[in-house]
Protein backbone atom coordinates (compact mmCIF):
# COMPACT_ATOMS: atom_id res chain seq x y z
CA MET A 1 -0.04 0.09 -0.11
CA ALA A 2 1.11 3.36 -1.08
CA ARG A 3 2.04 5.69 1.91
CA LYS A 4 -0.44 8.70 2.06
CA ARG A 5 1.23 12.10 1.20
CA HIS A 6 0.72 14.99 3.47
CA ARG A 7 0.25 18.38 1.76
CA ALA A 8 1.79 21.33 3.48
CA SER A 9 -0.41 23.76 4.75
CA SER A 10 0.94 27.67 4.93
CA CYS A 11 0.93 26.91 8.85
CA ASP A 12 3.29 24.04 8.07
CA GLU A 13 5.45 26.04 5.78
CA HIS A 14 5.66 29.11 8.56
CA ALA A 15 6.56 26.33 11.28
CA GLU A 16 9.41 24.94 8.89
CA ALA A 17 10.81 28.28 8.35
CA VAL A 18 10.54 29.31 11.82
CA VAL A 19 12.75 26.03 12.58
CA ARG A 20 15.16 26.58 9.86
CA HIS A 21 15.91 29.97 10.90
CA ALA A 22 16.38 29.01 14.47
CA LEU A 23 18.78 26.29 13.43
CA GLN A 24 20.63 28.82 10.77
CA SER A 25 20.62 31.32 13.76
CA ALA A 26 22.40 28.69 15.96
CA VAL A 27 25.11 28.00 13.25
CA ASP A 28 25.84 31.43 12.66
CA ALA A 29 26.41 32.23 16.41
CA ILE A 30 28.95 28.94 16.78
CA ALA A 31 30.66 30.21 13.57
CA ALA A 32 30.81 33.82 14.90
CA GLU A 33 32.17 32.56 18.39
CA ASN A 34 34.65 29.79 17.23
CA SER A 35 35.76 31.92 14.19
CA VAL A 36 35.13 29.40 11.93
CA ASP A 37 33.38 29.47 8.33
CA LEU A 38 29.99 27.66 8.33
CA THR A 39 28.40 29.32 5.36
CA THR A 40 28.49 26.01 3.27
CA LEU A 41 27.05 24.12 5.99
CA THR A 42 23.43 22.37 5.16
CA PHE A 43 20.90 20.49 6.91
CA ARG A 44 17.80 19.04 6.55
CA VAL A 45 14.41 19.83 8.42
CA ARG A 46 11.50 17.32 8.17
CA ARG A 47 8.01 17.41 10.10
CA LEU A 48 7.48 13.98 11.95
CA HIS A 49 4.01 13.34 11.10
CA GLU A 50 3.56 9.95 13.38
CA HIS A 51 5.61 11.63 16.22
CA ILE A 52 3.65 11.11 19.57
CA PRO A 53 4.93 13.87 22.06
CA SER A 54 4.17 13.69 25.76
CA THR A 55 1.03 15.05 26.99
CA ALA A 56 2.99 18.29 27.89
CA LEU A 57 3.49 18.58 24.19
CA LEU A 58 0.12 18.35 23.04
CA CYS A 59 -0.93 20.51 19.90
CA THR A 60 2.56 21.04 18.92
CA THR A 61 4.01 20.11 15.65
CA ALA A 62 7.40 17.95 15.69
CA TYR A 63 10.30 18.79 13.19
CA SER A 64 13.41 16.50 12.89
CA SER A 65 16.67 17.86 11.74
CA ASP A 66 20.26 16.01 11.09
CA ILE A 67 22.12 19.35 11.73
CA PRO A 68 24.31 17.69 14.88
CA LEU A 69 25.47 14.85 12.49
CA ARG A 70 26.33 17.44 9.50
CA LEU A 71 28.07 19.84 11.80
CA TYR A 72 29.99 17.27 13.48
CA HIS A 73 31.08 15.70 10.29
CA SER A 74 32.13 19.05 8.58
CA LYS A 75 35.20 18.82 10.78
CA ARG A 76 35.07 22.74 11.43
CA LEU A 77 35.02 22.57 15.44
CA ASP A 78 38.00 20.93 16.45
CA HIS A 79 37.08 21.02 20.16
CA LEU A 80 33.88 18.79 19.68
CA SER A 81 34.96 15.23 20.86
CA GLY A 82 31.88 13.35 19.27
CA LEU A 83 28.22 14.00 18.67
CA HIS A 84 27.11 14.13 21.86
CA ALA A 85 28.88 17.14 22.33
CA THR A 86 28.03 18.85 19.03
CA THR A 87 24.59 18.44 20.06
CA THR A 88 24.98 19.92 23.60
CA LEU A 89 26.49 23.01 21.77
CA LEU A 90 23.50 23.36 19.41
CA LEU A 91 21.14 22.99 22.23
CA GLY A 92 22.81 25.90 24.13
CA HIS A 93 22.00 28.25 21.50
CA LEU A 94 18.76 26.98 20.88
CA VAL A 95 17.47 27.49 24.28
CA HIS A 96 16.57 31.19 24.17
CA GLN A 97 15.10 31.16 20.59
CA ASN A 98 11.86 32.41 19.76
CA ASP A 99 8.39 31.64 21.52
CA ALA A 100 6.99 29.14 18.64
CA ILE A 101 9.59 26.81 19.73
CA VAL A 102 8.61 25.22 22.85
CA GLN A 103 11.03 22.59 23.54
CA VAL A 104 14.29 21.11 21.53
CA ASP A 105 15.49 17.29 22.50
CA SER A 106 18.34 15.16 20.86
CA ALA A 107 17.52 11.72 19.24
CA GLU A 108 19.01 8.76 17.75
CA ASN A 109 22.25 8.83 19.54
CA SER A 110 22.44 12.70 19.35
CA SER A 111 22.56 12.58 15.51
CA ARG A 112 19.32 14.28 15.17
CA LEU A 113 17.35 17.68 17.08
CA VAL A 114 13.59 17.27 17.57
CA LEU A 115 12.21 20.77 17.95
CA TYR A 116 8.41 21.32 18.87
CA THR A 117 6.54 24.20 17.40
CA ARG A 118 3.05 25.78 18.40
CA PRO A 119 1.60 28.35 16.41
CA ALA A 120 2.36 32.04 17.98
CA PRO A 121 -0.89 33.97 19.49
CA PRO A 122 -1.56 37.09 17.13
CA PRO A 123 0.32 39.89 18.28
CA ALA A 124 -1.68 42.45 20.10
CA GLU A 125 0.22 45.04 18.20
CA VAL A 126 2.50 45.23 15.07
CA LEU A 127 6.21 45.49 15.92
CA ASP A 128 8.43 47.98 14.27
CA VAL A 129 11.26 45.77 12.64
CA THR A 130 12.60 49.03 10.48
CA LEU A 131 13.79 50.92 13.48
CA PRO A 132 15.95 53.64 11.71
CA LEU A 133 19.64 52.67 11.15
CA GLU A 134 22.51 54.97 10.51
CA VAL A 135 24.02 53.42 7.54
CA LEU A 136 27.71 53.96 6.77
CA HIS A 137 28.02 52.10 3.68
CA GLN A 138 26.03 49.67 1.10
CA ASP A 139 26.93 47.81 -1.83
CA ASP A 140 25.74 44.98 -3.83
CA ALA A 141 28.16 42.73 -1.55
CA ILE A 142 28.13 44.44 1.92
CA ILE A 143 26.38 47.07 4.23
CA VAL A 144 27.66 48.78 6.98
CA VAL A 145 25.49 50.32 9.70
CA VAL A 146 25.70 51.67 13.27
CA LYS A 147 23.73 49.06 15.94
CA PRO A 148 21.97 50.98 18.71
CA HIS A 149 22.75 49.79 21.83
CA ASP A 150 20.01 47.40 23.76
CA LEU A 151 19.38 45.98 20.24
CA PRO A 152 19.96 42.23 19.63
CA SER A 153 22.34 41.56 16.76
CA VAL A 154 20.47 38.26 16.03
CA ASP A 155 16.93 37.06 17.13
CA GLY A 156 16.36 36.09 20.60
CA ARG A 157 13.76 34.74 22.56
CA ASP A 158 13.40 38.25 24.97
CA ARG A 159 13.26 40.71 22.23
CA PRO A 160 10.81 41.38 19.58
CA THR A 161 13.44 42.47 16.63
CA SER A 162 17.04 42.55 16.39
CA LEU A 163 19.49 44.10 13.65
CA HIS A 164 19.47 40.71 11.27
CA ARG A 165 15.50 40.87 10.89
CA ILE A 166 15.86 44.52 10.66
CA LEU A 167 18.00 44.31 7.69
CA ARG A 168 16.42 41.17 6.09
CA SER A 169 13.44 43.29 6.03
CA LYS A 170 14.77 44.92 3.18
CA TYR A 171 17.84 42.51 2.07
CA PRO A 172 16.22 39.18 2.42
CA ASN A 173 19.78 37.18 2.00
CA VAL A 174 21.53 39.38 4.26
CA ARG A 175 24.02 37.44 6.38
CA MET A 176 25.38 38.49 9.65
CA VAL A 177 29.29 37.53 9.77
CA HIS A 178 29.97 38.91 13.44
CA ARG A 179 27.81 40.13 16.51
CA LEU A 180 28.21 42.82 19.22
CA ASP A 181 26.42 42.40 22.53
CA MET A 182 22.98 43.52 22.83
CA GLU A 183 24.07 46.50 25.38
CA THR A 184 27.27 47.41 22.89
CA SER A 185 26.81 49.91 20.14
CA GLY A 186 28.79 50.71 17.24
CA VAL A 187 29.74 49.77 13.71
CA MET A 188 28.75 46.23 12.27
CA VAL A 189 29.21 44.95 8.43
CA ALA A 190 26.90 42.04 7.28
CA ALA A 191 27.32 40.28 3.99
CA ARG A 192 24.58 40.52 1.13
CA THR A 193 26.01 37.63 -0.65
CA LEU A 194 27.03 34.12 0.06
CA SER A 195 30.52 34.96 -1.42
CA ALA A 196 30.86 38.28 0.70
CA ALA A 197 30.07 36.05 3.69
CA GLN A 198 32.63 33.68 2.91
CA SER A 199 35.12 36.47 2.23
CA LEU A 200 34.40 38.27 5.54
CA ASN A 201 34.36 35.03 7.66
CA ALA A 202 37.64 34.20 6.33
CA GLN A 203 39.14 37.73 7.35
CA PHE A 204 37.30 37.27 10.62
CA ARG A 205 39.38 33.91 11.03
CA ALA A 206 42.84 35.33 10.03
CA LYS A 207 42.22 38.16 12.26
CA THR A 208 42.73 40.61 9.52
CA ILE A 209 39.73 42.61 10.23
CA GLY A 210 40.55 45.85 12.74
CA LYS A 211 38.34 46.42 15.49
CA THR A 212 38.47 49.08 17.98
CA TYR A 213 36.16 49.85 20.64
CA THR A 214 36.07 53.26 22.97
CA ALA A 215 34.93 52.38 26.84
CA VAL A 216 34.53 54.63 29.64
CA VAL A 217 35.96 52.77 32.57
CA GLU A 218 35.64 52.96 36.65
CA GLY A 219 38.92 53.97 38.06
CA LEU A 220 42.17 56.21 36.73
CA LEU A 221 44.30 54.16 34.86
CA SER A 222 47.71 54.26 36.02
CA CYS A 223 49.45 53.77 32.90
CA ASP A 224 48.78 54.98 29.47
CA SER A 225 48.64 51.43 27.71
CA CYS A 226 48.62 47.53 28.76
CA VAL A 227 48.12 44.32 27.29
CA ILE A 228 45.59 42.11 29.09
CA SER A 229 46.10 38.27 28.60
CA ALA A 230 43.62 36.18 30.51
CA SER A 231 41.66 32.87 29.45
CA LEU A 232 38.04 32.98 29.64
CA ALA A 233 35.26 30.65 30.40
CA ALA A 234 31.54 30.36 31.23
CA ASP A 235 30.49 30.90 34.68
CA PRO A 236 29.33 27.45 35.93
CA THR A 237 27.16 30.05 38.59
CA HIS A 238 25.47 32.20 35.75
CA ARG A 239 23.86 31.39 32.66
CA VAL A 240 25.25 34.53 30.73
CA LYS A 241 28.61 35.23 32.76
CA GLN A 242 32.01 34.81 31.72
CA VAL A 243 35.16 34.57 34.06
CA VAL A 244 38.93 34.30 33.95
CA VAL A 245 40.40 31.15 34.74
CA GLU A 246 43.75 29.87 34.76
CA ARG A 247 43.54 26.52 32.95
CA ARG A 248 40.56 25.44 31.21
CA GLY A 249 39.67 28.71 29.43
CA LYS A 250 39.93 29.81 26.05
CA PRO A 251 43.03 32.42 25.79
CA SER A 252 42.23 35.91 25.02
CA GLU A 253 43.80 39.34 24.78
CA THR A 254 42.75 43.03 24.79
CA LEU A 255 45.15 46.02 24.01
CA CYS A 256 43.87 49.11 26.14
CA THR A 257 45.04 52.43 25.32
CA LEU A 258 44.35 55.35 27.85
CA LEU A 259 42.71 58.71 26.12
CA LEU A 260 41.67 60.76 28.85
CA ARG A 261 41.32 60.68 32.75
CA HIS A 262 38.02 61.97 33.71
CA LEU A 263 39.84 63.24 37.66
CA ASP A 264 36.28 64.85 38.60
CA LYS A 265 34.25 61.62 37.76
CA GLY A 266 37.23 59.05 38.68
CA ARG A 267 36.62 57.41 35.33
CA SER A 268 39.01 56.95 32.18
CA ARG A 269 38.07 57.02 28.84
CA VAL A 270 40.12 54.44 27.01
CA HIS A 271 40.64 52.86 23.52
CA LEU A 272 40.16 48.53 23.54
CA THR A 273 41.58 46.51 20.73
CA PRO A 274 40.61 42.66 20.97
CA VAL A 275 43.07 40.56 19.58
CA THR A 276 41.37 37.54 20.29
CA GLY A 277 37.15 37.81 19.90
CA ARG A 278 35.57 35.75 23.15
CA THR A 279 32.24 36.20 24.40
CA HIS A 280 32.02 39.51 26.55
CA GLN A 281 36.01 39.34 26.35
CA LEU A 282 36.33 43.48 26.82
CA ARG A 283 33.66 43.49 29.65
CA VAL A 284 35.37 40.78 31.40
CA HIS A 285 38.97 41.78 31.06
CA MET A 286 38.43 45.13 32.18
CA GLN A 287 36.87 44.00 35.12
CA SER A 288 39.63 41.55 35.94
CA VAL A 289 41.86 44.55 36.36
CA GLY A 290 39.88 46.53 38.35
CA HIS A 291 38.41 49.12 35.70
CA ALA A 292 34.79 47.45 34.88
CA ILE A 293 32.96 49.33 31.96
CA VAL A 294 30.92 51.96 33.46
CA GLY A 295 26.88 50.97 32.92
CA ASP A 296 27.93 47.12 33.05
CA SER A 297 24.92 45.48 34.44
CA LEU A 298 26.94 42.26 34.43
CA TYR A 299 30.58 43.10 35.45
CA ALA A 300 30.60 46.68 36.96
CA SER A 301 31.48 46.48 40.81
CA GLN A 302 29.87 50.18 41.69
CA GLU A 303 26.17 50.77 41.47
CA CYS A 304 24.94 51.60 37.93
CA THR A 305 24.53 55.43 37.35
CA SER A 306 24.92 55.02 33.60
CA SER A 307 21.66 54.76 31.45
CA ARG A 308 23.70 52.15 29.17
CA LEU A 309 26.81 50.42 28.86
CA CYS A 310 29.54 52.59 27.83
CA LEU A 311 31.02 50.55 25.23
CA HIS A 312 31.21 51.52 21.44
CA ALA A 313 32.80 49.70 18.51
CA THR A 314 34.51 52.76 17.09
CA THR A 315 36.24 51.76 13.92
CA LEU A 316 36.32 48.56 11.41
CA GLU A 317 38.61 47.95 9.12
CA LEU A 318 38.35 45.52 6.11
CA VAL A 319 39.13 44.50 2.68
CA HIS A 320 36.01 44.74 0.37
CA PRO A 321 34.79 41.20 -0.77
CA THR A 322 34.65 42.01 -4.27
CA THR A 323 36.82 44.80 -4.98
CA ASN A 324 39.68 43.83 -2.55
CA ILE A 325 40.05 47.30 -1.48
CA PRO A 326 40.92 48.43 2.13
CA MET A 327 38.03 50.19 3.78
CA THR A 328 37.75 51.75 7.17
CA PHE A 329 34.33 52.70 8.76
CA SER A 330 34.17 54.92 11.70
CA SER A 331 31.53 55.77 14.23
CA LYS A 332 31.50 58.52 17.15
CA PRO A 333 30.64 57.18 20.77
CA PRO A 334 27.29 58.26 21.90
CA PHE A 335 28.61 58.80 25.46
């Protein structure tokens, strides 16, 4: 007897698109955090029509993906010991996705993920995803903008919009090739084509892209410049924070240059240049030397008296993906 074919409804197509977007966002985040090129990684998503969920997952639709298997066999992440480690990494980036995905499980010896979706309730109001952005440059290959503070670089569960979503509303094929923390503002570049994304990713991996940040930090620096070398790892007691460790962390290095001492406020204005690109690197490094960034709700030792994190990506230097011309983009800090 021939198997009954299931015709996809518009709701099914939307749910599958949500799942695909969540998985791709996880891959993009992993690529950015590990400085690897995953732009050519492909994966499959299929609906599980006969899947029987638990009582808690009634009225959900299950989708299966082979993304753990494909990511592991891509051999781009040398530190992953096996499929289980790959699946754990993916699950960590999927936990805080959008509300339409209510649960993510691993299946088949960690070779597949099962994502459960539930139709999102109609929004009470139309969300503004066209927040005005300062565009520094745009052409057929790249777009360079100034990300406002308090705007996520990519979609997340707790925020209604992101820089990626705003750009995608005008440029459907745009690809994020790096990130800034939600609280950090400043210059960012996005790729408009696959080849541009591959070129920019290669530059980030080779550490040939120059990045300079301006920050206001607590206290008066005693020297005009310094190099901060301290390995970082996830804080086992906090879901978001990073900590300085001696052995098990990732090597991290930041160059710090004094610009001005605010004697009346007991603060210093500095330029920070990350040699490596770890999560929260600049924030943790400055806190580790006793000069936390002003307004840092996670790492500042003093009571927060600033309305924002005083950290701004001031300059970005890169080679254009198609013209091979060196380009520098700058933005003055708004603090």
